[in-house]
Amino acid sequence: MTPAEIKAIGDHVKKTRMAKDLPPLPHAFPLAFRNGRILKSDDDLVGLERQAVAFLLDGVGQSGPPEAIFSEEAQNEGMYDVEVWDVHDASDELAYRVWLFSDNGCVFQAATIDIVGGISQGGLGIRDSKVGEELIAARDRVTKKQRPKNSVLDMFDLD
């Protein structure tokens, strides 16, 4: 990704971050966390995941292409374990993607880089409190067997 592309992604995310004028969030509850995975290299990134990682870097004061989150510098700062979860609604549609690294992260609306919530120092801030409650309840239903090794899924709660 070029610096201009990364800046455009950052500008889009800043504009949409928990914006009040976005369409309502889907409310087909209950939600379910599925397909949890730990990303180890940029080879693991597909589709919009490269844009999501570019934003995650910006959110923690880093810059550079998405590959930078897997760099030695990022690893030394404890940001190398990026965990991604698909969140499905009651109709089995993909509703959200939750990205976690350490005690930070983002909740993106499915198939977009539109942020509906953020995780900072373990606290989940989300523009729809009911969705936040449902995300926490869905997270609590994920069994140990369903979690990837070294999962940080329990590292956040509602603010």
C-alpha atoms as a PDB file:
ATOM      1  CA  MET A   1       0.000   0.000   0.000  1.00  0.00           C
ATOM      2  CA  THR A   2       1.199   3.474  -0.766  1.00  0.00           C
ATOM      3  CA  PRO A   3       1.353   6.223   1.863  1.00  0.00           C
ATOM      4  CA  ALA A   4      -1.515   7.979   0.046  1.00  0.00           C
ATOM      5  CA  GLU A   5      -3.680   4.840   0.261  1.00  0.00           C
ATOM      6  CA  ILE A   6      -2.912   4.469   3.955  1.00  0.00           C
ATOM      7  CA  LYS A   7      -3.774   8.140   4.560  1.00  0.00           C
ATOM      8  CA  ALA A   8      -7.059   7.742   2.648  1.00  0.00           C
ATOM      9  CA  ILE A   9      -7.951   4.747   4.824  1.00  0.00           C
ATOM     10  CA  GLY A  10      -7.116   6.707   7.969  1.00  0.00           C
ATOM     11  CA  ASP A  11      -9.212   9.654   6.780  1.00  0.00           C
ATOM     12  CA  HIS A  12     -12.179   7.362   6.039  1.00  0.00           C
ATOM     13  CA  VAL A  13     -11.935   5.701   9.422  1.00  0.00           C
ATOM     14  CA  LYS A  14     -11.660   9.014  11.273  1.00  0.00           C
ATOM     15  CA  LYS A  15     -14.740  10.263   9.430  1.00  0.00           C
ATOM     16  CA  THR A  16     -16.819   7.169  10.189  1.00  0.00           C
ATOM     17  CA  ARG A  17     -15.487   6.349  13.666  1.00  0.00           C
ATOM     18  CA  MET A  18     -18.622   5.981  15.729  1.00  0.00           C
ATOM     19  CA  ALA A  19     -20.329   8.620  13.564  1.00  0.00           C
ATOM     20  CA  LYS A  20     -23.883   9.415  14.562  1.00  0.00           C
ATOM     21  CA  ASP A  21     -25.114   9.688  10.965  1.00  0.00           C
ATOM     22  CA  LEU A  22     -24.263   6.125   9.938  1.00  0.00           C
ATOM     23  CA  PRO A  23     -27.149   3.747   9.271  1.00  0.00           C
ATOM     24  CA  PRO A  24     -28.453   1.754  12.244  1.00  0.00           C
ATOM     25  CA  LEU A  25     -26.497  -1.314  13.219  1.00  0.00           C
ATOM     26  CA  PRO A  26     -28.059  -4.717  12.563  1.00  0.00           C
ATOM     27  CA  HIS A  27     -29.930  -6.028  15.573  1.00  0.00           C
ATOM     28  CA  ALA A  28     -30.594  -9.698  14.814  1.00  0.00           C
ATOM     29  CA  PHE A  29     -29.559 -11.016  18.221  1.00  0.00           C
ATOM     30  CA  PRO A  30     -28.025 -13.109  19.609  1.00  0.00           C
ATOM     31  CA  LEU A  31     -24.562 -12.586  18.168  1.00  0.00           C
ATOM     32  CA  ALA A  32     -21.964 -15.358  17.883  1.00  0.00           C
ATOM     33  CA  PHE A  33     -18.166 -15.153  17.662  1.00  0.00           C
ATOM     34  CA  ARG A  34     -16.765 -17.545  15.032  1.00  0.00           C
ATOM     35  CA  ASN A  35     -13.563 -18.319  13.187  1.00  0.00           C
ATOM     36  CA  GLY A  36     -11.145 -16.784  15.682  1.00  0.00           C
ATOM     37  CA  ARG A  37      -7.636 -16.649  14.322  1.00  0.00           C
ATOM     38  CA  ILE A  38      -4.258 -15.131  15.146  1.00  0.00           C
ATOM     39  CA  LEU A  39      -2.536 -13.391  12.260  1.00  0.00           C
ATOM     40  CA  LYS A  40       1.228 -13.894  12.224  1.00  0.00           C
ATOM     41  CA  SER A  41       2.292 -12.195   8.995  1.00  0.00           C
ATOM     42  CA  ASP A  42       1.000 -10.015   6.217  1.00  0.00           C
ATOM     43  CA  ASP A  43       0.516 -13.226   4.200  1.00  0.00           C
ATOM     44  CA  ASP A  44      -2.465 -13.911   6.492  1.00  0.00           C
ATOM     45  CA  LEU A  45      -4.234 -10.690   5.405  1.00  0.00           C
ATOM     46  CA  VAL A  46      -6.988 -10.917   2.803  1.00  0.00           C
ATOM     47  CA  GLY A  47      -9.309  -8.338   1.274  1.00  0.00           C
ATOM     48  CA  LEU A  48     -10.190  -5.458   3.564  1.00  0.00           C
ATOM     49  CA  GLU A  49      -7.947  -6.885   6.291  1.00  0.00           C
ATOM     50  CA  ARG A  50      -5.010  -4.908   4.883  1.00  0.00           C
ATOM     51  CA  GLN A  51      -6.988  -1.683   5.344  1.00  0.00           C
ATOM     52  CA  ALA A  52      -8.055  -2.723   8.840  1.00  0.00           C
ATOM     53  CA  VAL A  53      -4.439  -3.322   9.840  1.00  0.00           C
ATOM     54  CA  ALA A  54      -3.416   0.047   8.378  1.00  0.00           C
ATOM     55  CA  PHE A  55      -5.991   1.640  10.660  1.00  0.00           C
ATOM     56  CA  LEU A  56      -4.910  -0.377  13.701  1.00  0.00           C
ATOM     57  CA  LEU A  57      -1.372   0.883  13.185  1.00  0.00           C
ATOM     58  CA  ASP A  58      -2.594   4.470  12.971  1.00  0.00           C
ATOM     59  CA  GLY A  59      -4.657   3.991  16.131  1.00  0.00           C
ATOM     60  CA  VAL A  60      -1.583   3.114  18.179  1.00  0.00           C
ATOM     61  CA  GLY A  61       0.576   5.875  16.741  1.00  0.00           C
ATOM     62  CA  GLN A  62       2.468   3.719  14.258  1.00  0.00           C
ATOM     63  CA  SER A  63       2.789   4.398  10.570  1.00  0.00           C
ATOM     64  CA  GLY A  64       3.664   2.468   7.483  1.00  0.00           C
ATOM     65  CA  PRO A  65       2.161  -0.300   5.409  1.00  0.00           C
ATOM     66  CA  PRO A  66       0.084  -3.069   6.991  1.00  0.00           C
ATOM     67  CA  GLU A  67       3.171  -5.287   7.081  1.00  0.00           C
ATOM     68  CA  ALA A  68       4.558  -2.958   9.782  1.00  0.00           C
ATOM     69  CA  ILE A  69       2.275  -4.471  12.425  1.00  0.00           C
ATOM     70  CA  PHE A  70       4.276  -7.688  12.081  1.00  0.00           C
ATOM     71  CA  SER A  71       7.661  -5.940  12.173  1.00  0.00           C
ATOM     72  CA  GLU A  72      10.314  -6.539  14.809  1.00  0.00           C
ATOM     73  CA  GLU A  73       9.617  -3.063  16.257  1.00  0.00           C
ATOM     74  CA  ALA A  74       5.903  -3.839  16.617  1.00  0.00           C
ATOM     75  CA  GLN A  75       6.738  -7.219  18.151  1.00  0.00           C
ATOM     76  CA  ASN A  76       8.968  -5.520  20.696  1.00  0.00           C
ATOM     77  CA  GLU A  77       6.004  -3.305  21.633  1.00  0.00           C
ATOM     78  CA  GLY A  78       3.739  -6.361  22.047  1.00  0.00           C
ATOM     79  CA  MET A  79       1.531  -5.684  19.028  1.00  0.00           C
ATOM     80  CA  TYR A  80       2.393  -8.702  16.934  1.00  0.00           C
ATOM     81  CA  ASP A  81      -0.460 -10.962  18.008  1.00  0.00           C
ATOM     82  CA  VAL A  82      -3.368  -9.678  15.971  1.00  0.00           C
ATOM     83  CA  GLU A  83      -6.505 -11.690  16.684  1.00  0.00           C
ATOM     84  CA  VAL A  84      -9.512 -11.491  14.368  1.00  0.00           C
ATOM     85  CA  TRP A  85     -13.033 -12.803  14.986  1.00  0.00           C
ATOM     86  CA  ASP A  86     -16.047 -12.942  12.693  1.00  0.00           C
ATOM     87  CA  VAL A  87     -19.266 -12.072  14.520  1.00  0.00           C
ATOM     88  CA  HIS A  88     -22.468 -13.495  13.059  1.00  0.00           C
ATOM     89  CA  ASP A  89     -26.003 -12.442  13.892  1.00  0.00           C
ATOM     90  CA  ALA A  90     -29.001 -14.689  14.574  1.00  0.00           C
ATOM     91  CA  SER A  91     -29.682 -15.110  10.843  1.00  0.00           C
ATOM     92  CA  ASP A  92     -26.088 -16.407  10.451  1.00  0.00           C
ATOM     93  CA  GLU A  93     -25.046 -13.315   8.488  1.00  0.00           C
ATOM     94  CA  LEU A  94     -21.622 -11.825   9.116  1.00  0.00           C
ATOM     95  CA  ALA A  95     -22.418  -8.677  11.113  1.00  0.00           C
ATOM     96  CA  TYR A  96     -19.061  -7.502  12.509  1.00  0.00           C
ATOM     97  CA  ARG A  97     -15.352  -8.222  12.615  1.00  0.00           C
ATOM     98  CA  VAL A  98     -13.566  -7.773  15.905  1.00  0.00           C
ATOM     99  CA  TRP A  99      -9.837  -7.060  15.727  1.00  0.00           C
ATOM    100  CA  LEU A 100      -7.780  -7.384  18.896  1.00  0.00           C
ATOM    101  CA  PHE A 101      -4.163  -6.802  19.758  1.00  0.00           C
ATOM    102  CA  SER A 102      -3.191  -6.861  23.392  1.00  0.00           C
ATOM    103  CA  ASP A 103      -5.861  -4.806  25.186  1.00  0.00           C
ATOM    104  CA  ASN A 104      -6.725  -2.665  22.140  1.00  0.00           C
ATOM    105  CA  GLY A 105      -8.778  -3.243  19.049  1.00  0.00           C
ATOM    106  CA  CYS A 106     -11.658  -2.267  16.777  1.00  0.00           C
ATOM    107  CA  VAL A 107     -15.112  -3.482  15.887  1.00  0.00           C
ATOM    108  CA  PHE A 108     -15.784  -3.051  12.177  1.00  0.00           C
ATOM    109  CA  GLN A 109     -19.144  -3.425  10.472  1.00  0.00           C
ATOM    110  CA  ALA A 110     -18.974  -6.544   8.290  1.00  0.00           C
ATOM    111  CA  ALA A 111     -17.273  -6.256   4.909  1.00  0.00           C
ATOM    112  CA  THR A 112     -16.319  -2.609   5.556  1.00  0.00           C
ATOM    113  CA  ILE A 113     -13.735  -0.560   7.382  1.00  0.00           C
ATOM    114  CA  ASP A 114     -16.523   1.407   9.074  1.00  0.00           C
ATOM    115  CA  ILE A 115     -15.807   1.394  12.793  1.00  0.00           C
ATOM    116  CA  VAL A 116     -18.728   0.841  15.136  1.00  0.00           C
ATOM    117  CA  GLY A 117     -16.609   0.524  18.264  1.00  0.00           C
ATOM    118  CA  GLY A 118     -13.134   0.654  19.644  1.00  0.00           C
ATOM    119  CA  ILE A 119     -11.234  -1.102  22.388  1.00  0.00           C
ATOM    120  CA  SER A 120      -8.676   0.895  24.308  1.00  0.00           C
ATOM    121  CA  GLN A 121      -6.868  -0.415  27.375  1.00  0.00           C
ATOM    122  CA  GLY A 122      -9.481  -3.150  27.739  1.00  0.00           C
ATOM    123  CA  GLY A 123     -12.537  -0.904  27.551  1.00  0.00           C
ATOM    124  CA  LEU A 124     -15.042  -1.321  24.719  1.00  0.00           C
ATOM    125  CA  GLY A 125     -16.600   1.920  23.527  1.00  0.00           C
ATOM    126  CA  ILE A 126     -19.376   1.384  21.003  1.00  0.00           C
ATOM    127  CA  ARG A 127     -21.975   3.666  19.465  1.00  0.00           C
ATOM    128  CA  ASP A 128     -24.847   1.251  20.192  1.00  0.00           C
ATOM    129  CA  SER A 129     -24.830   0.040  23.799  1.00  0.00           C
ATOM    130  CA  LYS A 130     -27.142  -2.904  23.026  1.00  0.00           C
ATOM    131  CA  VAL A 131     -24.686  -4.165  20.405  1.00  0.00           C
ATOM    132  CA  GLY A 132     -21.928  -3.760  22.991  1.00  0.00           C
ATOM    133  CA  GLU A 133     -23.847  -5.823  25.533  1.00  0.00           C
ATOM    134  CA  GLU A 134     -24.505  -8.492  22.904  1.00  0.00           C
ATOM    135  CA  LEU A 135     -20.836  -8.561  21.875  1.00  0.00           C
ATOM    136  CA  ILE A 136     -19.804  -9.151  25.488  1.00  0.00           C
ATOM    137  CA  ALA A 137     -22.455 -11.873  25.913  1.00  0.00           C
ATOM    138  CA  ALA A 138     -21.346 -13.538  22.651  1.00  0.00           C
ATOM    139  CA  ARG A 139     -17.699 -13.336  23.702  1.00  0.00           C
ATOM    140  CA  ASP A 140     -18.563 -15.012  27.001  1.00  0.00           C
ATOM    141  CA  ARG A 141     -20.151 -17.936  25.112  1.00  0.00           C
ATOM    142  CA  VAL A 142     -16.923 -18.747  23.237  1.00  0.00           C
ATOM    143  CA  THR A 143     -15.448 -21.908  24.739  1.00  0.00           C
ATOM    144  CA  LYS A 144     -11.775 -22.400  25.430  1.00  0.00           C
ATOM    145  CA  LYS A 145     -11.695 -25.045  22.686  1.00  0.00           C
ATOM    146  CA  GLN A 146     -12.994 -22.512  20.119  1.00  0.00           C
ATOM    147  CA  ARG A 147     -10.273 -19.960  20.925  1.00  0.00           C
ATOM    148  CA  PRO A 148      -6.940 -19.863  19.156  1.00  0.00           C
ATOM    149  CA  LYS A 149      -3.861 -20.492  21.265  1.00  0.00           C
ATOM    150  CA  ASN A 150      -2.859 -17.320  23.172  1.00  0.00           C
ATOM    151  CA  SER A 151      -6.255 -15.700  22.554  1.00  0.00           C
ATOM    152  CA  VAL A 152      -6.780 -12.252  24.092  1.00  0.00           C
ATOM    153  CA  LEU A 153     -10.550 -12.377  23.625  1.00  0.00           C
ATOM    154  CA  ASP A 154     -11.194 -11.833  27.338  1.00  0.00           C
ATOM    155  CA  MET A 155      -9.063  -8.678  27.427  1.00  0.00           C
ATOM    156  CA  PHE A 156     -11.968  -6.247  26.918  1.00  0.00           C
ATOM    157  CA  ASP A 157     -15.228  -5.287  28.594  1.00  0.00           C
ATOM    158  CA  LEU A 158     -17.749  -2.474  28.245  1.00  0.00           C
ATOM    159  CA  ASP A 159     -16.580   0.950  29.442  1.00  0.00           C
END
